[in-house]
C-alpha atoms as a PDB file:
ATOM      1  CA  MET A   1      11.867 -12.031 -10.473  1.00  0.00           C
ATOM      2  CA  VAL A   2      11.538  -9.658  -7.980  1.00  0.00           C
ATOM      3  CA  THR A   3      10.474  -6.126  -8.714  1.00  0.00           C
ATOM      4  CA  GLN A   4      12.690  -3.290  -7.614  1.00  0.00           C
ATOM      5  CA  ILE A   5      10.982  -0.099  -6.696  1.00  0.00           C
ATOM      6  CA  THR A   6      11.975   3.256  -5.341  1.00  0.00           C
ATOM      7  CA  ASP A   7      11.716   4.791  -2.415  1.00  0.00           C
ATOM      8  CA  PRO A   8       9.532   2.353  -0.825  1.00  0.00           C
ATOM      9  CA  ILE A   9       7.584   2.683   2.387  1.00  0.00           C
ATOM     10  CA  LEU A  10       9.259  -0.896   3.622  1.00  0.00           C
ATOM     11  CA  ASP A  11      11.823  -1.966   2.456  1.00  0.00           C
ATOM     12  CA  ILE A  12      13.371  -5.614   3.052  1.00  0.00           C
ATOM     13  CA  ARG A  13      17.019  -6.639   2.098  1.00  0.00           C
ATOM     14  CA  GLY A  14      18.480 -10.174   2.701  1.00  0.00           C
ATOM     15  CA  LEU A  15      16.570 -11.073   5.341  1.00  0.00           C
ATOM     16  CA  LEU A  16      17.059 -13.934   7.192  1.00  0.00           C
ATOM     17  CA  LYS A  17      15.453 -16.254  10.625  1.00  0.00           C
ATOM     18  CA  THR A  18      17.064 -19.358  11.756  1.00  0.00           C
ATOM     19  CA  TYR A  19      15.865 -20.751  14.655  1.00  0.00           C
ATOM     20  CA  ALA A  20      17.773 -22.953  17.294  1.00  0.00           C
ATOM     21  CA  ASN A  21      16.431 -26.438  16.116  1.00  0.00           C
ATOM     22  CA  GLY A  22      17.543 -26.185  12.874  1.00  0.00           C
ATOM     23  CA  PRO A  23      14.887 -25.151  10.553  1.00  0.00           C
ATOM     24  CA  THR A  24      15.026 -22.009   8.137  1.00  0.00           C
ATOM     25  CA  ALA A  25      11.799 -20.020   8.104  1.00  0.00           C
ATOM     26  CA  LEU A  26      13.628 -16.879   5.864  1.00  0.00           C
ATOM     27  CA  ALA A  27      16.349 -17.913   3.304  1.00  0.00           C
ATOM     28  CA  GLY A  28      17.583 -14.236   2.032  1.00  0.00           C
ATOM     29  CA  VAL A  29      14.479 -12.303   1.644  1.00  0.00           C
ATOM     30  CA  ASP A  30      14.162  -9.100  -0.537  1.00  0.00           C
ATOM     31  CA  LEU A  31      11.003  -7.191  -0.907  1.00  0.00           C
ATOM     32  CA  GLN A  32       9.834  -3.577  -1.451  1.00  0.00           C
ATOM     33  CA  ILE A  33       6.507  -2.174  -0.585  1.00  0.00           C
ATOM     34  CA  ARG A  34       4.592   1.049  -2.399  1.00  0.00           C
ATOM     35  CA  LYS A  35       3.080   3.538  -0.543  1.00  0.00           C
ATOM     36  CA  GLY A  36      -0.617   3.486  -0.955  1.00  0.00           C
ATOM     37  CA  GLU A  37      -0.321  -0.202  -2.435  1.00  0.00           C
ATOM     38  CA  ILE A  38      -2.701  -3.333  -1.633  1.00  0.00           C
ATOM     39  CA  PHE A  39      -0.127  -6.401  -1.692  1.00  0.00           C
ATOM     40  CA  ALA A  40      -1.138  -9.491  -1.321  1.00  0.00           C
ATOM     41  CA  LEU A  41       1.861 -12.067  -0.052  1.00  0.00           C
ATOM     42  CA  LEU A  42       0.808 -15.406  -1.202  1.00  0.00           C
ATOM     43  CA  GLY A  43       2.500 -18.970  -0.306  1.00  0.00           C
ATOM     44  CA  PRO A  44       1.399 -22.632   1.094  1.00  0.00           C
ATOM     45  CA  ASN A  45       1.700 -23.059   4.508  1.00  0.00           C
ATOM     46  CA  GLY A  46       5.017 -22.529   6.375  1.00  0.00           C
ATOM     47  CA  ALA A  47       6.356 -20.430   3.701  1.00  0.00           C
ATOM     48  CA  GLY A  48       7.093 -18.048   5.895  1.00  0.00           C
ATOM     49  CA  LYS A  49       4.686 -15.302   5.621  1.00  0.00           C
ATOM     50  CA  THR A  50       3.931 -15.053   9.316  1.00  0.00           C
ATOM     51  CA  THR A  51       7.340 -15.043  10.024  1.00  0.00           C
ATOM     52  CA  LEU A  52       7.797 -12.030   7.897  1.00  0.00           C
ATOM     53  CA  ILE A  53       5.356 -10.504   9.386  1.00  0.00           C
ATOM     54  CA  GLY A  54       6.597 -10.592  12.440  1.00  0.00           C
ATOM     55  CA  ALA A  55       9.995  -9.527  12.209  1.00  0.00           C
ATOM     56  CA  VAL A  56       8.455  -6.655  10.667  1.00  0.00           C
ATOM     57  CA  CYS A  57       6.641  -6.150  13.830  1.00  0.00           C
ATOM     58  CA  GLY A  58       8.638  -6.943  15.996  1.00  0.00           C
ATOM     59  CA  LEU A  59       7.488 -10.232  16.946  1.00  0.00           C
ATOM     60  CA  VAL A  60      10.326 -12.105  15.840  1.00  0.00           C
ATOM     61  CA  ASN A  61      13.886 -11.395  15.796  1.00  0.00           C
ATOM     62  CA  PRO A  62      15.678 -12.096  12.984  1.00  0.00           C
ATOM     63  CA  SER A  63      19.148 -13.728  12.049  1.00  0.00           C
ATOM     64  CA  GLY A  64      19.989 -11.345   9.072  1.00  0.00           C
ATOM     65  CA  GLY A  65      19.610  -8.666   6.681  1.00  0.00           C
ATOM     66  CA  THR A  66      17.597  -4.806   7.265  1.00  0.00           C
ATOM     67  CA  ILE A  67      14.696  -3.938   7.441  1.00  0.00           C
ATOM     68  CA  GLU A  68      13.807   0.296   6.821  1.00  0.00           C
ATOM     69  CA  ALA A  69      10.237   1.366   7.068  1.00  0.00           C
ATOM     70  CA  PHE A  70       9.960   4.890   6.620  1.00  0.00           C
ATOM     71  CA  GLY A  71      12.980   5.370   5.680  1.00  0.00           C
ATOM     72  CA  LEU A  72      14.320   4.136   9.402  1.00  0.00           C
ATOM     73  CA  ASP A  73      16.129   1.431  10.578  1.00  0.00           C
ATOM     74  CA  ILE A  74      13.702  -0.260  12.590  1.00  0.00           C
ATOM     75  CA  ARG A  75      16.309  -1.850  14.901  1.00  0.00           C
ATOM     76  CA  LYS A  76      17.448   1.862  15.919  1.00  0.00           C
ATOM     77  CA  HIS A  77      14.264   3.682  15.547  1.00  0.00           C
ATOM     78  CA  TRP A  78      12.056   0.931  17.167  1.00  0.00           C
ATOM     79  CA  ARG A  79       9.174   2.870  18.866  1.00  0.00           C
ATOM     80  CA  GLU A  80       8.798   5.568  16.176  1.00  0.00           C
ATOM     81  CA  VAL A  81       8.698   2.674  13.630  1.00  0.00           C
ATOM     82  CA  ARG A  82       6.471   0.157  15.479  1.00  0.00           C
ATOM     83  CA  GLN A  83       3.611   3.548  16.270  1.00  0.00           C
ATOM     84  CA  ARG A  84       2.870   4.030  12.514  1.00  0.00           C
ATOM     85  CA  ILE A  85       2.516  -0.093  12.341  1.00  0.00           C
ATOM     86  CA  GLY A  86      -1.221  -2.091  12.418  1.00  0.00           C
ATOM     87  CA  LEU A  87      -1.425  -5.597  12.586  1.00  0.00           C
ATOM     88  CA  VAL A  88      -4.327  -8.012  12.338  1.00  0.00           C
ATOM     89  CA  PRO A  89      -2.434 -11.321  13.029  1.00  0.00           C
ATOM     90  CA  GLN A  90      -4.276 -14.834  12.672  1.00  0.00           C
ATOM     91  CA  GLU A  91      -5.175 -16.135  16.108  1.00  0.00           C
ATOM     92  CA  LEU A  92      -7.670 -13.960  17.547  1.00  0.00           C
ATOM     93  CA  SER A  93      -6.093 -12.045  20.851  1.00  0.00           C
ATOM     94  CA  PHE A  94      -8.666 -10.260  23.253  1.00  0.00           C
ATOM     95  CA  ASP A  95     -10.297 -10.249  26.319  1.00  0.00           C
ATOM     96  CA  MET A  96     -12.985 -12.436  25.568  1.00  0.00           C
ATOM     97  CA  PHE A  97     -15.262 -10.826  28.347  1.00  0.00           C
ATOM     98  CA  ASP A  98     -14.266  -7.093  27.176  1.00  0.00           C
ATOM     99  CA  LYS A  99     -16.266  -4.975  25.666  1.00  0.00           C
ATOM    100  CA  VAL A 100     -15.831  -4.076  21.969  1.00  0.00           C
ATOM    101  CA  ILE A 101     -15.350  -0.260  22.351  1.00  0.00           C
ATOM    102  CA  ARG A 102     -12.686  -0.906  25.192  1.00  0.00           C
ATOM    103  CA  GLN A 103     -10.713  -3.034  23.682  1.00  0.00           C
ATOM    104  CA  VAL A 104     -10.389  -0.564  21.098  1.00  0.00           C
ATOM    105  CA  ARG A 105      -9.423   2.319  23.666  1.00  0.00           C
ATOM    106  CA  TYR A 106      -6.985   0.195  24.660  1.00  0.00           C
ATOM    107  CA  SER A 107      -4.889  -0.468  21.694  1.00  0.00           C
ATOM    108  CA  ARG A 108      -5.139   2.968  21.187  1.00  0.00           C
ATOM    109  CA  GLY A 109      -3.483   4.030  24.722  1.00  0.00           C
ATOM    110  CA  MET A 110      -1.024   1.045  23.898  1.00  0.00           C
ATOM    111  CA  PHE A 111       0.576   2.507  21.272  1.00  0.00           C
ATOM    112  CA  GLY A 112       0.675   6.374  23.161  1.00  0.00           C
ATOM    113  CA  CYS A 113      -2.057   8.258  21.216  1.00  0.00           C
ATOM    114  CA  ALA A 114      -4.226  10.405  23.085  1.00  0.00           C
ATOM    115  CA  PRO A 115      -8.133   9.696  23.925  1.00  0.00           C
ATOM    116  CA  ASP A 116      -9.593  10.298  20.992  1.00  0.00           C
ATOM    117  CA  GLU A 117     -13.658   9.285  20.619  1.00  0.00           C
ATOM    118  CA  GLY A 118     -14.221  10.855  17.873  1.00  0.00           C
ATOM    119  CA  LYS A 119     -12.077   8.398  16.275  1.00  0.00           C
ATOM    120  CA  ILE A 120     -12.536   4.874  18.077  1.00  0.00           C
ATOM    121  CA  GLU A 121     -16.040   5.596  16.805  1.00  0.00           C
ATOM    122  CA  GLU A 122     -14.940   6.507  13.580  1.00  0.00           C
ATOM    123  CA  VAL A 123     -13.472   3.401  13.558  1.00  0.00           C
ATOM    124  CA  LEU A 124     -16.732   0.925  14.827  1.00  0.00           C
ATOM    125  CA  LYS A 125     -18.155   2.541  12.275  1.00  0.00           C
ATOM    126  CA  ALA A 126     -16.803   2.067   9.257  1.00  0.00           C
ATOM    127  CA  LEU A 127     -16.066  -1.903  10.379  1.00  0.00           C
ATOM    128  CA  SER A 128     -20.091  -1.940  11.143  1.00  0.00           C
ATOM    129  CA  LEU A 129     -19.271  -2.134  14.572  1.00  0.00           C
ATOM    130  CA  TRP A 130     -20.612   0.550  16.424  1.00  0.00           C
ATOM    131  CA  ASP A 131     -24.126  -1.186  17.484  1.00  0.00           C
ATOM    132  CA  LYS A 132     -21.940  -3.941  19.065  1.00  0.00           C
ATOM    133  CA  ARG A 133     -20.255  -1.387  20.821  1.00  0.00           C
ATOM    134  CA  ASP A 134     -20.924  -2.366  24.660  1.00  0.00           C
ATOM    135  CA  GLU A 135     -21.039  -6.354  23.342  1.00  0.00           C
ATOM    136  CA  PRO A 136     -18.838  -8.741  25.028  1.00  0.00           C
ATOM    137  CA  ILE A 137     -16.336 -10.038  22.371  1.00  0.00           C
ATOM    138  CA  ARG A 138     -17.570 -13.445  23.429  1.00  0.00           C
ATOM    139  CA  LYS A 139     -21.423 -12.569  22.077  1.00  0.00           C
ATOM    140  CA  LEU A 140     -19.843 -11.973  18.801  1.00  0.00           C
ATOM    141  CA  SER A 141     -19.949 -14.275  15.860  1.00  0.00           C
ATOM    142  CA  GLY A 142     -16.376 -15.317  14.162  1.00  0.00           C
ATOM    143  CA  GLY A 143     -16.623 -12.559  11.982  1.00  0.00           C
ATOM    144  CA  MET A 144     -16.955  -9.980  14.335  1.00  0.00           C
ATOM    145  CA  LYS A 145     -14.639 -11.075  16.611  1.00  0.00           C
ATOM    146  CA  ARG A 146     -12.109 -10.684  13.297  1.00  0.00           C
ATOM    147  CA  ARG A 147     -13.670  -7.267  12.370  1.00  0.00           C
ATOM    148  CA  VAL A 148     -12.768  -6.429  16.491  1.00  0.00           C
ATOM    149  CA  MET A 149      -8.893  -7.110  15.335  1.00  0.00           C
ATOM    150  CA  ILE A 150      -9.239  -4.784  12.327  1.00  0.00           C
ATOM    151  CA  ALA A 151     -10.587  -2.086  14.649  1.00  0.00           C
ATOM    152  CA  LYS A 152      -7.974  -2.400  17.268  1.00  0.00           C
ATOM    153  CA  ALA A 153      -4.997  -2.686  14.690  1.00  0.00           C
ATOM    154  CA  LEU A 154      -7.013   0.778  13.171  1.00  0.00           C
ATOM    155  CA  SER A 155      -7.173   1.983  16.018  1.00  0.00           C
ATOM    156  CA  HIS A 156      -3.794   4.141  16.510  1.00  0.00           C
ATOM    157  CA  GLU A 157      -4.218   5.216  12.636  1.00  0.00           C
ATOM    158  CA  PRO A 158      -1.558   3.296  11.004  1.00  0.00           C
ATOM    159  CA  ASP A 159       0.363   3.986   8.197  1.00  0.00           C
ATOM    160  CA  LEU A 160       1.056   0.397   7.397  1.00  0.00           C
ATOM    161  CA  LEU A 161      -1.581  -2.314   7.999  1.00  0.00           C
ATOM    162  CA  PHE A 162      -0.321  -6.015   8.074  1.00  0.00           C
ATOM    163  CA  LEU A 163      -3.064  -8.315   7.963  1.00  0.00           C
ATOM    164  CA  ASP A 164      -2.455 -12.175   8.294  1.00  0.00           C
ATOM    165  CA  GLU A 165      -5.073 -14.309   6.763  1.00  0.00           C
ATOM    166  CA  PRO A 166      -7.646 -11.624   7.780  1.00  0.00           C
ATOM    167  CA  THR A 167     -10.851 -13.717   5.940  1.00  0.00           C
ATOM    168  CA  ALA A 168      -9.860 -17.442   7.854  1.00  0.00           C
ATOM    169  CA  GLY A 169     -12.814 -18.741   8.901  1.00  0.00           C
ATOM    170  CA  VAL A 170     -14.960 -16.302   7.589  1.00  0.00           C
ATOM    171  CA  ASP A 171     -17.963 -16.892   5.461  1.00  0.00           C
ATOM    172  CA  VAL A 172     -18.073 -15.558   1.677  1.00  0.00           C
ATOM    173  CA  GLU A 173     -20.789 -12.741   1.999  1.00  0.00           C
ATOM    174  CA  LEU A 174     -18.852 -11.193   4.866  1.00  0.00           C
ATOM    175  CA  ARG A 175     -15.660 -12.237   3.216  1.00  0.00           C
ATOM    176  CA  ARG A 176     -16.404  -9.318   0.356  1.00  0.00           C
ATOM    177  CA  ASP A 177     -17.931  -7.077   2.471  1.00  0.00           C
ATOM    178  CA  MET A 178     -14.415  -7.056   4.198  1.00  0.00           C
ATOM    179  CA  TRP A 179     -12.848  -7.092   0.629  1.00  0.00           C
ATOM    180  CA  LYS A 180     -14.609  -3.209   0.425  1.00  0.00           C
ATOM    181  CA  GLN A 181     -13.418  -2.194   3.988  1.00  0.00           C
ATOM    182  CA  ILE A 182      -9.835  -2.752   2.957  1.00  0.00           C
ATOM    183  CA  GLY A 183     -10.262  -1.382  -0.243  1.00  0.00           C
ATOM    184  CA  ALA A 184     -11.542   1.831   1.057  1.00  0.00           C
ATOM    185  CA  LEU A 185      -8.530   1.787   3.626  1.00  0.00           C
ATOM    186  CA  ARG A 186      -6.246   2.122   0.868  1.00  0.00           C
ATOM    187  CA  GLU A 187      -8.439   5.067  -0.289  1.00  0.00           C
ATOM    188  CA  ARG A 188      -8.026   6.713   2.904  1.00  0.00           C
ATOM    189  CA  GLY A 189      -4.330   6.643   1.958  1.00  0.00           C
ATOM    190  CA  THR A 190      -3.190   3.483   3.933  1.00  0.00           C
ATOM    191  CA  THR A 191      -0.536   1.063   2.530  1.00  0.00           C
ATOM    192  CA  ILE A 192      -1.596  -2.860   3.377  1.00  0.00           C
ATOM    193  CA  ILE A 193       0.082  -6.334   3.061  1.00  0.00           C
ATOM    194  CA  LEU A 194      -2.227  -9.092   3.465  1.00  0.00           C
ATOM    195  CA  THR A 195      -1.123 -13.014   3.372  1.00  0.00           C
ATOM    196  CA  THR A 196      -3.934 -15.123   2.260  1.00  0.00           C
ATOM    197  CA  HIS A 197      -4.501 -18.883   0.986  1.00  0.00           C
ATOM    198  CA  TYR A 198      -8.029 -17.259  -0.949  1.00  0.00           C
ATOM    199  CA  ILE A 199      -5.883 -16.530  -4.441  1.00  0.00           C
ATOM    200  CA  GLU A 200      -9.668 -15.046  -5.571  1.00  0.00           C
ATOM    201  CA  GLU A 201      -8.494 -12.131  -2.629  1.00  0.00           C
ATOM    202  CA  ALA A 202      -5.275 -11.432  -4.353  1.00  0.00           C
ATOM    203  CA  GLU A 203      -6.764 -11.221  -7.800  1.00  0.00           C
ATOM    204  CA  GLU A 204      -9.564  -8.924  -6.139  1.00  0.00           C
ATOM    205  CA  MET A 205      -8.519  -6.538  -4.686  1.00  0.00           C
ATOM    206  CA  ALA A 206      -4.522  -6.603  -4.592  1.00  0.00           C
ATOM    207  CA  ASP A 207      -2.333  -3.984  -7.236  1.00  0.00           C
ATOM    208  CA  ARG A 208       0.937  -5.735  -6.877  1.00  0.00           C
ATOM    209  CA  VAL A 209       1.384 -10.038  -5.633  1.00  0.00           C
ATOM    210  CA  GLY A 210       4.295 -11.339  -4.086  1.00  0.00           C
ATOM    211  CA  VAL A 211       4.665 -15.449  -3.790  1.00  0.00           C
ATOM    212  CA  ILE A 212       7.112 -16.952  -0.905  1.00  0.00           C
ATOM    213  CA  ASN A 213       7.680 -20.484  -0.517  1.00  0.00           C
ATOM    214  CA  LYS A 214      10.290 -22.117   1.447  1.00  0.00           C
ATOM    215  CA  GLY A 215      11.688 -18.842   3.253  1.00  0.00           C
ATOM    216  CA  GLN A 216      12.365 -17.058  -0.382  1.00  0.00           C
ATOM    217  CA  ILE A 217      10.555 -14.638  -2.637  1.00  0.00           C
ATOM    218  CA  LEU A 218       9.814 -16.107  -6.151  1.00  0.00           C
ATOM    219  CA  LEU A 219       8.121 -13.811  -7.768  1.00  0.00           C
ATOM    220  CA  THR A 220       6.865  -9.828  -7.447  1.00  0.00           C
ATOM    221  CA  ASP A 221       5.148  -7.860  -9.537  1.00  0.00           C
ATOM    222  CA  ASP A 222       1.887  -5.708 -10.657  1.00  0.00           C
ATOM    223  CA  LYS A 223      -1.028  -8.353 -11.222  1.00  0.00           C
ATOM    224  CA  THR A 224      -1.568  -7.548 -14.527  1.00  0.00           C
ATOM    225  CA  ALA A 225       1.615  -8.164 -15.155  1.00  0.00           C
ATOM    226  CA  ILE A 226       2.034 -11.296 -13.653  1.00  0.00           C
ATOM    227  CA  MET A 227      -0.909 -12.174 -15.961  1.00  0.00           C
ATOM    228  CA  ALA A 228       0.852 -10.862 -19.547  1.00  0.00           C
ATOM    229  CA  LYS A 229       4.010 -12.483 -18.738  1.00  0.00           C
ATOM    230  CA  LEU A 230       2.981 -16.050 -16.855  1.00  0.00           C
ATOM    231  CA  GLY A 231      -0.391 -16.696 -18.538  1.00  0.00           C
ATOM    232  CA  ARG A 232      -1.378 -19.620 -20.507  1.00  0.00           C
ATOM    233  CA  THR A 233      -3.847 -21.338 -22.221  1.00  0.00           C
ATOM    234  CA  GLU A 234      -5.196 -24.581 -22.295  1.00  0.00           C
ATOM    235  CA  ALA A 235      -7.225 -26.211 -24.928  1.00  0.00           C
ATOM    236  CA  VAL A 236      -8.443 -29.926 -24.451  1.00  0.00           C
ATOM    237  CA  PHE A 237      -9.567 -31.255 -28.276  1.00  0.00           C
ATOM    238  CA  GLU A 238     -11.837 -34.640 -27.151  1.00  0.00           C
ATOM    239  CA  LEU A 239     -11.020 -36.316 -31.063  1.00  0.00           C
ATOM    240  CA  ALA A 240     -13.740 -38.440 -32.100  1.00  0.00           C
ATOM    241  CA  GLU A 241     -11.235 -41.060 -33.009  1.00  0.00           C
ATOM    242  CA  PRO A 242      -7.908 -41.862 -30.785  1.00  0.00           C
ATOM    243  CA  MET A 243      -4.681 -41.629 -32.125  1.00  0.00           C
ATOM    244  CA  THR A 244      -1.663 -42.885 -31.852  1.00  0.00           C
ATOM    245  CA  GLU A 245       0.782 -40.099 -33.441  1.00  0.00           C
ATOM    246  CA  LEU A 246       0.797 -36.624 -33.635  1.00  0.00           C
ATOM    247  CA  PRO A 247       0.438 -35.558 -38.060  1.00  0.00           C
ATOM    248  CA  ALA A 248       3.588 -33.667 -39.306  1.00  0.00           C
ATOM    249  CA  ALA A 249       0.487 -30.807 -39.772  1.00  0.00           C
ATOM    250  CA  LEU A 250       0.465 -30.114 -35.995  1.00  0.00           C
ATOM    251  CA  ALA A 251       4.361 -30.061 -35.636  1.00  0.00           C
ATOM    252  CA  THR A 252       4.118 -26.130 -35.171  1.00  0.00           C
ATOM    253  CA  TYR A 253       2.037 -26.268 -32.555  1.00  0.00           C
ATOM    254  CA  PRO A 254       1.931 -26.971 -28.653  1.00  0.00           C
ATOM    255  CA  VAL A 255       0.151 -29.695 -27.977  1.00  0.00           C
ATOM    256  CA  ALA A 256       0.600 -33.493 -27.018  1.00  0.00           C
ATOM    257  CA  LEU A 257      -1.546 -36.692 -26.639  1.00  0.00           C
ATOM    258  CA  GLU A 258      -3.219 -37.649 -23.491  1.00  0.00           C
ATOM    259  CA  ASP A 259      -5.794 -40.554 -22.133  1.00  0.00           C
ATOM    260  CA  ALA A 260      -4.442 -43.071 -24.570  1.00  0.00           C
ATOM    261  CA  GLY A 261      -4.505 -40.798 -27.321  1.00  0.00           C
ATOM    262  CA  ARG A 262      -8.048 -39.691 -27.041  1.00  0.00           C
ATOM    263  CA  LYS A 263      -7.352 -36.285 -26.369  1.00  0.00           C
ATOM    264  CA  LEU A 264      -5.044 -33.054 -27.793  1.00  0.00           C
ATOM    265  CA  VAL A 265      -3.888 -31.252 -25.459  1.00  0.00           C
ATOM    266  CA  TYR A 266      -2.758 -27.498 -26.591  1.00  0.00           C
ATOM    267  CA  ARG A 267      -0.847 -25.880 -24.143  1.00  0.00           C
ATOM    268  CA  GLY A 268       1.042 -22.488 -24.686  1.00  0.00           C
ATOM    269  CA  GLY A 269       0.118 -18.843 -25.363  1.00  0.00           C
ATOM    270  CA  ASP A 270       2.057 -16.020 -23.205  1.00  0.00           C
ATOM    271  CA  GLY A 271      -0.741 -13.788 -21.707  1.00  0.00           C
ATOM    272  CA  THR A 272      -0.984 -11.552 -24.533  1.00  0.00           C
ATOM    273  CA  GLY A 273      -3.872 -13.131 -26.383  1.00  0.00           C
ATOM    274  CA  LYS A 274      -1.412 -15.700 -28.645  1.00  0.00           C
ATOM    275  CA  GLY A 275      -2.907 -18.437 -27.335  1.00  0.00           C
ATOM    276  CA  LYS A 276      -6.635 -17.761 -28.056  1.00  0.00           C
ATOM    277  CA  ARG A 277      -5.715 -17.316 -31.369  1.00  0.00           C
ATOM    278  CA  GLU A 278      -3.243 -20.409 -31.863  1.00  0.00           C
ATOM    279  CA  VAL A 279      -6.293 -22.661 -30.410  1.00  0.00           C
ATOM    280  CA  ALA A 280      -8.974 -20.757 -33.146  1.00  0.00           C
ATOM    281  CA  GLU A 281      -5.976 -21.833 -35.707  1.00  0.00           C
ATOM    282  CA  LEU A 282      -5.379 -25.073 -34.353  1.00  0.00           C
ATOM    283  CA  ALA A 283      -9.386 -25.995 -34.832  1.00  0.00           C
ATOM    284  CA  GLN A 284      -9.336 -25.112 -38.606  1.00  0.00           C
ATOM    285  CA  ASP A 285      -6.171 -27.234 -39.297  1.00  0.00           C
ATOM    286  CA  LEU A 286      -7.965 -29.789 -37.183  1.00  0.00           C
ATOM    287  CA  THR A 287     -10.812 -29.765 -39.739  1.00  0.00           C
ATOM    288  CA  ARG A 288      -8.591 -29.451 -43.022  1.00  0.00           C
ATOM    289  CA  ASN A 289      -6.871 -32.690 -42.273  1.00  0.00           C
ATOM    290  CA  GLY A 290      -9.970 -34.480 -42.003  1.00  0.00           C
ATOM    291  CA  ILE A 291      -9.594 -34.953 -37.790  1.00  0.00           C
ATOM    292  CA  GLY A 292     -13.045 -34.858 -35.825  1.00  0.00           C
ATOM    293  CA  TYR A 293     -13.192 -34.187 -32.714  1.00  0.00           C
ATOM    294  CA  THR A 294     -16.614 -33.608 -30.165  1.00  0.00           C
ATOM    295  CA  GLY A 295     -15.761 -31.441 -27.851  1.00  0.00           C
ATOM    296  CA  LEU A 296     -13.177 -28.317 -26.847  1.00  0.00           C
ATOM    297  CA  ASP A 297     -12.615 -26.975 -23.193  1.00  0.00           C
ATOM    298  CA  ALA A 298     -10.358 -23.997 -23.571  1.00  0.00           C
ATOM    299  CA  HIS A 299      -9.108 -22.020 -20.180  1.00  0.00           C
ATOM    300  CA  GLU A 300      -6.948 -19.267 -19.414  1.00  0.00           C
ATOM    301  CA  SER A 301      -4.669 -19.138 -16.581  1.00  0.00           C
ATOM    302  CA  SER A 302      -6.451 -17.678 -13.295  1.00  0.00           C
ATOM    303  CA  LEU A 303      -3.485 -16.380 -10.528  1.00  0.00           C
ATOM    304  CA  GLU A 304      -4.051 -19.785  -9.018  1.00  0.00           C
ATOM    305  CA  ASP A 305      -2.954 -21.808 -11.837  1.00  0.00           C
ATOM    306  CA  ILE A 306       0.608 -19.375 -11.797  1.00  0.00           C
ATOM    307  CA  PHE A 307       0.859 -19.679  -8.278  1.00  0.00           C
ATOM    308  CA  VAL A 308       1.180 -23.569  -7.662  1.00  0.00           C
ATOM    309  CA  GLY A 309       2.932 -24.001 -10.924  1.00  0.00           C
ATOM    310  CA  LEU A 310       5.557 -21.239  -9.270  1.00  0.00           C
ATOM    311  CA  VAL A 311       5.462 -23.294  -5.996  1.00  0.00           C
ATOM    312  CA  LYS A 312       6.219 -26.811  -7.765  1.00  0.00           C
ATOM    313  CA  GLN A 313       8.969 -25.184 -10.473  1.00  0.00           C
ATOM    314  CA  GLY A 314      10.630 -23.516  -7.672  1.00  0.00           C
ATOM    315  CA  GLU A 315      10.286 -26.883  -5.075  1.00  0.00           C
ATOM    316  CA  LYS A 316      12.008 -29.025  -7.880  1.00  0.00           C
ATOM    317  CA  GLU A 317      14.939 -26.100  -8.140  1.00  0.00           C
ATOM    318  CA  MET A 318      15.666 -26.096  -4.726  1.00  0.00           C
ATOM    319  CA  ALA A 319      15.697 -30.215  -4.630  1.00  0.00           C
ATOM    320  CA  ALA A 320      17.947 -30.241  -7.785  1.00  0.00           C
END
């Protein structure tokens, strides 16, 4: 289930990466990114997220496939494309003894941009780094160092920004602050692709979500569409008396007995509210048929539930 879009800012087709010692990091990836969106790429460790970013940013040489950015083939127009892309890698990479402002200036110059102190000031202020501009980077906290990495990536005013695990190692308060800053970048027209282990980041910020595992894209779609298509309801009824088998009156419901018949578990719905309605009807049928229960715990699928389910399903299909 991979969404196809027209006039993408980034168009990846059949991307392959196989290393000399055998492992396949990317196995024919197709991915299109809309201009101006925030796209979250989710996947477990080793899924291929960083390899995919590296291929677009010129850090990884693909074994096959094509990548077009801004309508240009990156192999043929490497310099022009790379000047319009920003990257915040997972690993912190700068001179720890240098001052913040000098590192950001240096990054701007690396992309061939003319000096612009006004732009440097704007970037540093947007990331709450202006007061730290003359501090040696080694004296900053981990969260502030992460902000310096973002400032370096924004220094040359990219149209497309990659954030590889941007809030790794950052506390919850700082993480939410950075979410706001990333949202502000999108408001200014920057297209953002982020990888993350924090599913709540995707739920909070992303317009669309992609799931990758073992080098293959399992799904891409709008976040709300994913929830509607794949969302489910789970309800656990704690039965007053254990049951050995389901009565005929409950045969039409997607239910099962668990915990030696002490729990009646409903798993159904379709993300449209059907599950909630059926749970309410099931509760009424239990009462009508004299089946008592002492507790009910119901919840709707989160994006994390859907992500975990897709990864497990994909692994089963690959193993089959």
